[in-house]
């Protein structure tokens, strides 16, 4: 216990002394609204739309990667099948993402309509 206190005390003392040196005016920071007047629903919608855009880019890259693997497969059945699997699972993943986006959008619109939330 003494060992912990002997290590902790100097750090605490330094922080305390530093806080005495910082002028009060430096602590008076004006905060801006990070949402810039948006409601929480609008902000979350914007984040989700941006995320869906990035997922679309990843899906395109996955599909291109599968096509590239197919081109360099050289006709080997195993490599061609691996390339097809990459492309199929990319399409399946994209379908899951877009179906879940549609489901979340439907539920949120239904809840806001029923509850009268704007």
Foldseek 3Di string as FASTA:
>chain_A
DVVVCVVVVVVVVVVVVVVVVDDPVVVPDDDDDPVNPDDPVVVVVVVLVVVLVVLVVVLVVQLVVLVVQCVPVVPDPVSVVVSVVSNVVSVVVNVVSVVVVVVVVVVVVVVCVVVVPD
